[in-house]
Amino acid sequence: MEISKGVEMLQLEFHGNIIHPTLLWNQEMAVLIDAGFPGQFEDLRVAMEKVGVSFDKLKVLILTHQDIDHIGSLPEILQVCGSTIKVYAHDLDKPYIQGNLTLLKDGHLENPPKGKVDETLKDGQELPYCGGICIIHTPGHTPGHISLYLKKSKILIAGDSMYSENGIIKGIHAPTVLDINEAHLSLKKYLDLDIESVVCYHGGLSKENINDQIQKVIS
């Protein structure tokens, strides 16, 4: 689903789970936010090509956090793209993504996905890609969870900081959160933004009275 010009919410299915990585692009390049489950590399490539974006345009991968449904296809992406892609993540989740530390929620896996993070991100940082991407550190779900605010289109990519159902923001998914108090504090950061629509990785797009919806779930 194209939310705005050059902003596509992808929809991928994995054993009954529906997830929503986000694709940004312009004439020069493409940016992918989150890499799906292990084994979804081909699904990602096909989804990109369906919206007219060739996979060889992918120059940037931003990982919102370390969970396996977000970093799953990272090894395959790195293998195909090599040095032509730059991978970003928050410093606190970087060692888990790279395999230096065991994944906090998927530590039981014998061979978890892992890959090199080229550059770490911090709260308030702005990346210059596709009209400007503002980084918001929103810990709670994981220590290094980030959300992304797209300045040009006023879209919030919320990652797993909250979830939605049928276009309605439902709040924090408590069973998957490592620190519920931090998670609540993180949502308050959104109230300072002018948000027209939100993409939740689990639940998809919400675009009606966003600030009111967020205020409701944190009050």
C-alpha atoms as a PDB file:
ATOM      1  CA  MET A   1       0.000   0.000   0.000  1.00  0.00           C
ATOM      2  CA  GLU A   2       1.445   3.357  -1.059  1.00  0.00           C
ATOM      3  CA  ILE A   3       0.892   5.726   1.868  1.00  0.00           C
ATOM      4  CA  SER A   4       2.531   8.731   0.267  1.00  0.00           C
ATOM      5  CA  LYS A   5       4.621   9.363  -2.824  1.00  0.00           C
ATOM      6  CA  GLY A   6       7.708   7.161  -2.460  1.00  0.00           C
ATOM      7  CA  VAL A   7       6.496   5.523   0.767  1.00  0.00           C
ATOM      8  CA  GLU A   8       5.138   1.979   0.554  1.00  0.00           C
ATOM      9  CA  MET A   9       3.900  -0.148   3.438  1.00  0.00           C
ATOM     10  CA  LEU A  10       4.752  -3.717   2.479  1.00  0.00           C
ATOM     11  CA  GLN A  11       2.658  -6.638   3.680  1.00  0.00           C
ATOM     12  CA  LEU A  12       4.370  -9.992   4.143  1.00  0.00           C
ATOM     13  CA  GLU A  13       2.978 -13.232   5.532  1.00  0.00           C
ATOM     14  CA  PHE A  14       4.964 -15.779   7.524  1.00  0.00           C
ATOM     15  CA  HIS A  15       3.212 -18.805   9.051  1.00  0.00           C
ATOM     16  CA  GLY A  16       0.092 -16.792   9.757  1.00  0.00           C
ATOM     17  CA  ASN A  17       1.934 -13.684  10.935  1.00  0.00           C
ATOM     18  CA  ILE A  18       1.392 -10.510   8.919  1.00  0.00           C
ATOM     19  CA  ILE A  19       4.209  -7.959   9.117  1.00  0.00           C
ATOM     20  CA  HIS A  20       4.723  -4.550   7.575  1.00  0.00           C
ATOM     21  CA  PRO A  21       8.237  -3.485   6.611  1.00  0.00           C
ATOM     22  CA  THR A  22       8.303  -0.028   5.008  1.00  0.00           C
ATOM     23  CA  LEU A  23       9.969   0.930   1.738  1.00  0.00           C
ATOM     24  CA  LEU A  24      11.067   4.471   0.869  1.00  0.00           C
ATOM     25  CA  TRP A  25      12.448   5.450  -2.507  1.00  0.00           C
ATOM     26  CA  ASN A  26      13.242   8.183  -4.976  1.00  0.00           C
ATOM     27  CA  GLN A  27      14.951   8.237  -8.370  1.00  0.00           C
ATOM     28  CA  GLU A  28      18.390   7.564  -6.905  1.00  0.00           C
ATOM     29  CA  MET A  29      17.877   4.953  -4.196  1.00  0.00           C
ATOM     30  CA  ALA A  30      15.637   2.931  -1.911  1.00  0.00           C
ATOM     31  CA  VAL A  31      15.544   2.554   1.880  1.00  0.00           C
ATOM     32  CA  LEU A  32      14.084  -0.525   3.584  1.00  0.00           C
ATOM     33  CA  ILE A  33      12.938  -0.354   7.191  1.00  0.00           C
ATOM     34  CA  ASP A  34      13.207  -3.817   8.788  1.00  0.00           C
ATOM     35  CA  ALA A  35      14.079  -7.096   7.137  1.00  0.00           C
ATOM     36  CA  GLY A  36      11.312  -9.543   7.984  1.00  0.00           C
ATOM     37  CA  PHE A  37      11.582 -13.116   9.238  1.00  0.00           C
ATOM     38  CA  PRO A  38      14.350 -15.549   8.251  1.00  0.00           C
ATOM     39  CA  GLY A  39      13.618 -16.906   4.803  1.00  0.00           C
ATOM     40  CA  GLN A  40      11.693 -13.854   3.591  1.00  0.00           C
ATOM     41  CA  PHE A  41      14.401 -12.391   1.379  1.00  0.00           C
ATOM     42  CA  GLU A  42      12.601 -13.430  -1.796  1.00  0.00           C
ATOM     43  CA  ASP A  43       9.290 -12.096  -0.430  1.00  0.00           C
ATOM     44  CA  LEU A  44      10.936  -8.721   0.177  1.00  0.00           C
ATOM     45  CA  ARG A  45      12.478  -8.641  -3.283  1.00  0.00           C
ATOM     46  CA  VAL A  46       9.188  -9.524  -4.976  1.00  0.00           C
ATOM     47  CA  ALA A  47       7.267  -6.970  -2.884  1.00  0.00           C
ATOM     48  CA  MET A  48       9.720  -4.250  -3.914  1.00  0.00           C
ATOM     49  CA  GLU A  49       9.500  -5.138  -7.585  1.00  0.00           C
ATOM     50  CA  LYS A  50       5.687  -5.132  -7.429  1.00  0.00           C
ATOM     51  CA  VAL A  51       5.796  -1.443  -6.625  1.00  0.00           C
ATOM     52  CA  GLY A  52       8.330  -0.801  -9.364  1.00  0.00           C
ATOM     53  CA  VAL A  53      11.478  -0.614  -7.235  1.00  0.00           C
ATOM     54  CA  SER A  54      14.330  -2.817  -8.421  1.00  0.00           C
ATOM     55  CA  PHE A  55      16.209  -4.544  -5.603  1.00  0.00           C
ATOM     56  CA  ASP A  56      19.496  -3.156  -6.858  1.00  0.00           C
ATOM     57  CA  LYS A  57      18.266   0.330  -5.887  1.00  0.00           C
ATOM     58  CA  LEU A  58      18.344  -0.694  -2.213  1.00  0.00           C
ATOM     59  CA  LYS A  59      21.166   1.282  -0.596  1.00  0.00           C
ATOM     60  CA  VAL A  60      20.043   1.609   3.032  1.00  0.00           C
ATOM     61  CA  LEU A  61      18.549  -0.810   5.571  1.00  0.00           C
ATOM     62  CA  ILE A  62      17.324   0.594   8.891  1.00  0.00           C
ATOM     63  CA  LEU A  63      16.560  -1.937  11.638  1.00  0.00           C
ATOM     64  CA  THR A  64      14.139  -0.710  14.291  1.00  0.00           C
ATOM     65  CA  HIS A  65      15.390  -3.353  16.736  1.00  0.00           C
ATOM     66  CA  GLN A  66      16.881  -6.793  17.235  1.00  0.00           C
ATOM     67  CA  ASP A  67      13.835  -9.114  17.188  1.00  0.00           C
ATOM     68  CA  ILE A  68      13.979 -11.999  14.736  1.00  0.00           C
ATOM     69  CA  ASP A  69      10.986 -10.838  12.662  1.00  0.00           C
ATOM     70  CA  HIS A  70      12.871  -7.593  11.991  1.00  0.00           C
ATOM     71  CA  ILE A  71      16.402  -8.874  11.300  1.00  0.00           C
ATOM     72  CA  GLY A  72      15.503 -12.263   9.803  1.00  0.00           C
ATOM     73  CA  SER A  73      16.593 -11.657   6.210  1.00  0.00           C
ATOM     74  CA  LEU A  74      19.553  -9.430   7.073  1.00  0.00           C
ATOM     75  CA  PRO A  75      22.196 -12.094   6.203  1.00  0.00           C
ATOM     76  CA  GLU A  76      20.712 -12.669   2.741  1.00  0.00           C
ATOM     77  CA  ILE A  77      20.390  -8.941   2.049  1.00  0.00           C
ATOM     78  CA  LEU A  78      24.045  -8.437   2.965  1.00  0.00           C
ATOM     79  CA  GLN A  79      25.094 -11.396   0.849  1.00  0.00           C
ATOM     80  CA  VAL A  80      23.312 -10.039  -2.238  1.00  0.00           C
ATOM     81  CA  CYS A  81      24.044  -6.321  -1.758  1.00  0.00           C
ATOM     82  CA  GLY A  82      27.539  -6.578  -0.324  1.00  0.00           C
ATOM     83  CA  SER A  83      29.239  -3.231   0.196  1.00  0.00           C
ATOM     84  CA  THR A  84      26.566  -1.320  -1.730  1.00  0.00           C
ATOM     85  CA  ILE A  85      24.178  -1.261   1.248  1.00  0.00           C
ATOM     86  CA  LYS A  86      24.517   0.586   4.552  1.00  0.00           C
ATOM     87  CA  VAL A  87      22.889  -0.927   7.657  1.00  0.00           C
ATOM     88  CA  TYR A  88      21.731   1.269  10.534  1.00  0.00           C
ATOM     89  CA  ALA A  89      20.534   0.369  14.053  1.00  0.00           C
ATOM     90  CA  HIS A  90      20.649   1.832  17.547  1.00  0.00           C
ATOM     91  CA  ASP A  91      23.852   1.332  19.498  1.00  0.00           C
ATOM     92  CA  LEU A  92      22.088  -0.597  22.291  1.00  0.00           C
ATOM     93  CA  ASP A  93      20.766  -3.259  19.912  1.00  0.00           C
ATOM     94  CA  LYS A  94      23.801  -3.385  17.612  1.00  0.00           C
ATOM     95  CA  PRO A  95      25.724  -6.145  19.482  1.00  0.00           C
ATOM     96  CA  TYR A  96      22.671  -8.427  19.404  1.00  0.00           C
ATOM     97  CA  ILE A  97      22.106  -7.855  15.688  1.00  0.00           C
ATOM     98  CA  GLN A  98      25.782  -8.535  14.953  1.00  0.00           C
ATOM     99  CA  GLY A  99      25.772 -11.733  17.014  1.00  0.00           C
ATOM    100  CA  ASN A 100      28.164 -10.463  19.684  1.00  0.00           C
ATOM    101  CA  LEU A 101      25.423 -11.012  22.278  1.00  0.00           C
ATOM    102  CA  THR A 102      22.557 -13.516  22.350  1.00  0.00           C
ATOM    103  CA  LEU A 103      19.221 -12.118  21.161  1.00  0.00           C
ATOM    104  CA  LEU A 104      17.227 -11.040  24.213  1.00  0.00           C
ATOM    105  CA  LYS A 105      13.984 -12.758  23.164  1.00  0.00           C
ATOM    106  CA  ASP A 106      15.258 -15.427  20.780  1.00  0.00           C
ATOM    107  CA  GLY A 107      18.294 -16.675  22.694  1.00  0.00           C
ATOM    108  CA  HIS A 108      17.166 -20.283  22.262  1.00  0.00           C
ATOM    109  CA  LEU A 109      17.881 -20.245  18.525  1.00  0.00           C
ATOM    110  CA  GLU A 110      20.914 -22.282  17.512  1.00  0.00           C
ATOM    111  CA  ASN A 111      21.718 -20.210  14.437  1.00  0.00           C
ATOM    112  CA  PRO A 112      20.085 -16.781  14.736  1.00  0.00           C
ATOM    113  CA  PRO A 113      20.323 -14.314  11.853  1.00  0.00           C
ATOM    114  CA  LYS A 114      23.091 -11.773  12.238  1.00  0.00           C
ATOM    115  CA  GLY A 115      24.962  -9.201  10.218  1.00  0.00           C
ATOM    116  CA  LYS A 116      27.188  -6.178  10.410  1.00  0.00           C
ATOM    117  CA  VAL A 117      25.716  -2.834  11.466  1.00  0.00           C
ATOM    118  CA  ASP A 118      27.607  -0.074   9.634  1.00  0.00           C
ATOM    119  CA  GLU A 119      26.411   2.917  11.615  1.00  0.00           C
ATOM    120  CA  THR A 120      24.591   3.399  14.906  1.00  0.00           C
ATOM    121  CA  LEU A 121      21.727   5.809  15.440  1.00  0.00           C
ATOM    122  CA  LYS A 122      20.793   8.027  18.365  1.00  0.00           C
ATOM    123  CA  ASP A 123      17.731   9.917  19.517  1.00  0.00           C
ATOM    124  CA  GLY A 124      17.123  13.130  17.592  1.00  0.00           C
ATOM    125  CA  GLN A 125      19.418  12.232  14.710  1.00  0.00           C
ATOM    126  CA  GLU A 126      18.240  12.953  11.180  1.00  0.00           C
ATOM    127  CA  LEU A 127      19.168  10.903   8.142  1.00  0.00           C
ATOM    128  CA  PRO A 128      19.098  12.745   4.801  1.00  0.00           C
ATOM    129  CA  TYR A 129      17.407  10.023   2.766  1.00  0.00           C
ATOM    130  CA  CYS A 130      14.102  10.418   0.947  1.00  0.00           C
ATOM    131  CA  GLY A 131      13.112  13.805   2.335  1.00  0.00           C
ATOM    132  CA  GLY A 132      14.550  13.360   5.832  1.00  0.00           C
ATOM    133  CA  ILE A 133      14.185  10.578   8.392  1.00  0.00           C
ATOM    134  CA  CYS A 134      14.140  11.599  12.070  1.00  0.00           C
ATOM    135  CA  ILE A 135      15.264   8.981  14.597  1.00  0.00           C
ATOM    136  CA  ILE A 136      13.324   8.601  17.840  1.00  0.00           C
ATOM    137  CA  HIS A 137      14.783   6.297  20.492  1.00  0.00           C
ATOM    138  CA  THR A 138      11.749   4.458  21.879  1.00  0.00           C
ATOM    139  CA  PRO A 139      13.055   1.806  24.298  1.00  0.00           C
ATOM    140  CA  GLY A 140      10.878  -0.628  26.195  1.00  0.00           C
ATOM    141  CA  HIS A 141      10.187  -3.286  23.605  1.00  0.00           C
ATOM    142  CA  THR A 142      13.984  -3.692  23.432  1.00  0.00           C
ATOM    143  CA  PRO A 143      16.686  -1.375  24.835  1.00  0.00           C
ATOM    144  CA  GLY A 144      17.630  -0.069  21.393  1.00  0.00           C
ATOM    145  CA  HIS A 145      14.209   0.115  19.769  1.00  0.00           C
ATOM    146  CA  ILE A 146      13.820   3.108  17.454  1.00  0.00           C
ATOM    147  CA  SER A 147      10.921   4.701  15.618  1.00  0.00           C
ATOM    148  CA  LEU A 148      11.254   6.816  12.488  1.00  0.00           C
ATOM    149  CA  TYR A 149       9.448  10.032  11.591  1.00  0.00           C
ATOM    150  CA  LEU A 150       9.315  10.930   7.917  1.00  0.00           C
ATOM    151  CA  LYS A 151       9.346  14.728   7.842  1.00  0.00           C
ATOM    152  CA  LYS A 152       8.112  15.220   4.300  1.00  0.00           C
ATOM    153  CA  SER A 153       5.046  12.980   4.559  1.00  0.00           C
ATOM    154  CA  LYS A 154       4.436  13.242   8.347  1.00  0.00           C
ATOM    155  CA  ILE A 155       4.439   9.467   8.660  1.00  0.00           C
ATOM    156  CA  LEU A 156       5.531   7.684  11.836  1.00  0.00           C
ATOM    157  CA  ILE A 157       7.120   4.252  11.427  1.00  0.00           C
ATOM    158  CA  ALA A 158       6.400   2.909  14.906  1.00  0.00           C
ATOM    159  CA  GLY A 159       8.089  -0.489  14.692  1.00  0.00           C
ATOM    160  CA  ASP A 160       6.890  -2.542  17.679  1.00  0.00           C
ATOM    161  CA  SER A 161       6.483   0.368  20.085  1.00  0.00           C
ATOM    162  CA  MET A 162       2.745  -0.096  19.629  1.00  0.00           C
ATOM    163  CA  TYR A 163       0.369  -2.177  17.529  1.00  0.00           C
ATOM    164  CA  SER A 164      -2.893  -1.579  15.715  1.00  0.00           C
ATOM    165  CA  GLU A 165      -6.003  -3.451  14.621  1.00  0.00           C
ATOM    166  CA  ASN A 166      -8.243  -2.419  11.705  1.00  0.00           C
ATOM    167  CA  GLY A 167      -6.697   1.037  11.571  1.00  0.00           C
ATOM    168  CA  ILE A 168      -7.026   1.691  15.310  1.00  0.00           C
ATOM    169  CA  ILE A 169      -3.964   2.030  17.573  1.00  0.00           C
ATOM    170  CA  LYS A 170      -4.350  -0.415  20.453  1.00  0.00           C
ATOM    171  CA  GLY A 171      -1.265   0.557  22.431  1.00  0.00           C
ATOM    172  CA  ILE A 172       1.658  -1.482  23.721  1.00  0.00           C
ATOM    173  CA  HIS A 173       1.763  -5.253  23.198  1.00  0.00           C
ATOM    174  CA  ALA A 174       2.745  -6.020  26.779  1.00  0.00           C
ATOM    175  CA  PRO A 175       3.673  -9.739  26.366  1.00  0.00           C
ATOM    176  CA  THR A 176       6.566  -8.862  24.032  1.00  0.00           C
ATOM    177  CA  VAL A 177       7.871  -5.834  25.955  1.00  0.00           C
ATOM    178  CA  LEU A 178      11.011  -6.044  28.091  1.00  0.00           C
ATOM    179  CA  ASP A 179      10.369  -2.879  30.131  1.00  0.00           C
ATOM    180  CA  ILE A 180       6.742  -1.734  30.238  1.00  0.00           C
ATOM    181  CA  ASN A 181       7.492   1.528  32.060  1.00  0.00           C
ATOM    182  CA  GLU A 182      10.048   2.545  29.455  1.00  0.00           C
ATOM    183  CA  ALA A 183       7.613   1.566  26.722  1.00  0.00           C
ATOM    184  CA  HIS A 184       4.950   3.925  28.114  1.00  0.00           C
ATOM    185  CA  LEU A 185       7.443   6.787  28.382  1.00  0.00           C
ATOM    186  CA  SER A 186       8.500   6.185  24.791  1.00  0.00           C
ATOM    187  CA  LEU A 187       4.970   6.660  23.455  1.00  0.00           C
ATOM    188  CA  LYS A 188       4.816  10.123  25.031  1.00  0.00           C
ATOM    189  CA  LYS A 189       7.577  11.249  22.648  1.00  0.00           C
ATOM    190  CA  TYR A 190       5.133  10.917  19.758  1.00  0.00           C
ATOM    191  CA  LEU A 191       2.858  13.643  21.139  1.00  0.00           C
ATOM    192  CA  ASP A 192       5.402  16.306  20.127  1.00  0.00           C
ATOM    193  CA  LEU A 193       5.183  15.289  16.466  1.00  0.00           C
ATOM    194  CA  ASP A 194       2.777  16.351  13.724  1.00  0.00           C
ATOM    195  CA  ILE A 195       1.706  12.869  12.622  1.00  0.00           C
ATOM    196  CA  GLU A 196      -0.740  12.252   9.804  1.00  0.00           C
ATOM    197  CA  SER A 197      -0.375   8.458   9.658  1.00  0.00           C
ATOM    198  CA  VAL A 198       1.323   5.614  11.525  1.00  0.00           C
ATOM    199  CA  VAL A 199       2.675   2.290  10.323  1.00  0.00           C
ATOM    200  CA  CYS A 200       2.749  -0.353  13.051  1.00  0.00           C
ATOM    201  CA  TYR A 201       4.838  -3.388  12.118  1.00  0.00           C
ATOM    202  CA  HIS A 202       2.043  -5.532  13.537  1.00  0.00           C
ATOM    203  CA  GLY A 203      -1.315  -4.177  12.459  1.00  0.00           C
ATOM    204  CA  GLY A 204      -0.374  -1.859   9.630  1.00  0.00           C
ATOM    205  CA  LEU A 205      -1.659   1.619   8.802  1.00  0.00           C
ATOM    206  CA  SER A 206      -3.574   4.005  11.037  1.00  0.00           C
ATOM    207  CA  LYS A 207      -4.406   7.497   9.766  1.00  0.00           C
ATOM    208  CA  GLU A 208      -7.280   9.010  11.732  1.00  0.00           C
ATOM    209  CA  ASN A 209      -6.674  11.523  14.550  1.00  0.00           C
ATOM    210  CA  ILE A 210      -3.302   9.999  15.399  1.00  0.00           C
ATOM    211  CA  ASN A 211      -2.382  12.265  18.286  1.00  0.00           C
ATOM    212  CA  ASP A 212      -5.769  11.685  19.897  1.00  0.00           C
ATOM    213  CA  GLN A 213      -5.381   7.937  19.497  1.00  0.00           C
ATOM    214  CA  ILE A 214      -1.906   7.963  21.065  1.00  0.00           C
ATOM    215  CA  GLN A 215      -3.082  10.199  23.926  1.00  0.00           C
ATOM    216  CA  LYS A 216      -5.882   7.729  24.585  1.00  0.00           C
ATOM    217  CA  VAL A 217      -3.595   4.682  24.860  1.00  0.00           C
ATOM    218  CA  ILE A 218      -1.106   6.364  27.205  1.00  0.00           C
ATOM    219  CA  SER A 219      -3.632   8.041  29.507  1.00  0.00           C
END
